[in-house]
Amino acid sequence: MAHNLKIQLMDTHAGGDVSRIVTGGVGPLPGASVRQQMEYLRDDADGLRRLLLEEPYGIPEMSVDLIVPATDPEAEWGYIIMEVMGYPIYSGSNTICTATALLELGLVPKQEGVQTFKLEAPAGLVQIEARVQGGVVESITCEGLPSYIHTHRAAIDVPGLGEVTYSVAYSGGFYALVEAADLGFSLEASEERQLAETAHAIVEAIQAERGFFHYTLGDVGPLPFLHFMGPVEQVSRHAYRSRSATYVHPGVICRSTTGTGTSARLALMQYEGRIQPGDMLETVSLRNTGFIGTYTGLGDADGQPVVENRITGKGYVLSQADVVVNQDDAMVSGNVWESLRALQVPG
């Protein structure tokens, strides 16, 4: 038996959120769709996620995206998203990073100007628009999932905070949306730890009180996200800007504002009559990075009004490396090792 395993990675970031793109070292996964392959990893082979998001190989603030062959003939490639909270079916920042990596690796041939292609996420097909200038991927625009407001301005008593007013949006996961100023925050980098502690308390209280059901997916588990909203500034006739911060339970404030967080904001602004089709919202993070969300129209999904949207950002390549996993390393638990072996990672 081999005493070490190797996994090929391209580390990237979009808006500050690091996405570790797994480009090799994992064998074929069971499942007739990328969604089914994601469910296999979630239920039976969680070792890859744990390895790359835990010490000594990573930290919970990172994400992992495993590139897999697409099962839908319209898609160039598939990808499976892994985060500290588990396996989201979609993520804007991870999609931007994955599309960038595929272009930089030549797995999707790079073309000067604007090119379009599709990827297969666990949520389904995703339309990608890449802008390439001088051989550099300058931006990626991806479809956000159809988003909607599930709950508008509910109140909950949170231990240590008192009554907190929140809304809940679905944009690839359920998000609690809260006004940062109501909780005493101006959304500066120095507040990051306190933001995480505050969000943790609010999410725990909401999870203890209620669950949320998607109109087609049904029960998708406990609410995992909270988005702190800063004041909205109108910067031109069709453009708005707002400081923002996204929290992932348990304990992580994202470096970026996140694509799904931006989609959730668009859903709330549309619900409250504050934007029209074609309007854009730039969300600005604690580190002054941003994504731009565009509200493209109001759709209907099985009787549920949904906000159709696009997210634009830029991905950066940080490094390419082989990760070596040693079987006798006490920092790698036995069940993580066995899970990796089950994924047919070659030694």
Foldseek 3Di string as FASTA:
>chain_A
DDQKFKWWWWWKFWLQAIETETDDQFADADDLAQLVSLVCCQPPFVLVLCVCCDPPNHHQLHKYKYWAAGNDPQALTEIWIAHPQGTQQDWDGNVQQVVQVCPVVCSPPDDAAWDWGWYQTSVGIKIWIFHAHPNHGPKIKIWWAFKAWPAAFDWFQFVPQGIFTWTWMDTSAIETEGEQVVRPDPQAPVCQQVVLVVVQRVQVRDQVPDFDQDPPRGGPDRHFKYKHWYDWAAPDPQEIETEMWMYGPPRDIHSANIPSNLQRVVNVCVVVVNHDQQHKYWYAHNVRGTKIKGFHDWDADPNDITTIIMIMIHMGTDDIDMDMGGNPDPVRDPSSVVSSVVSVRDD
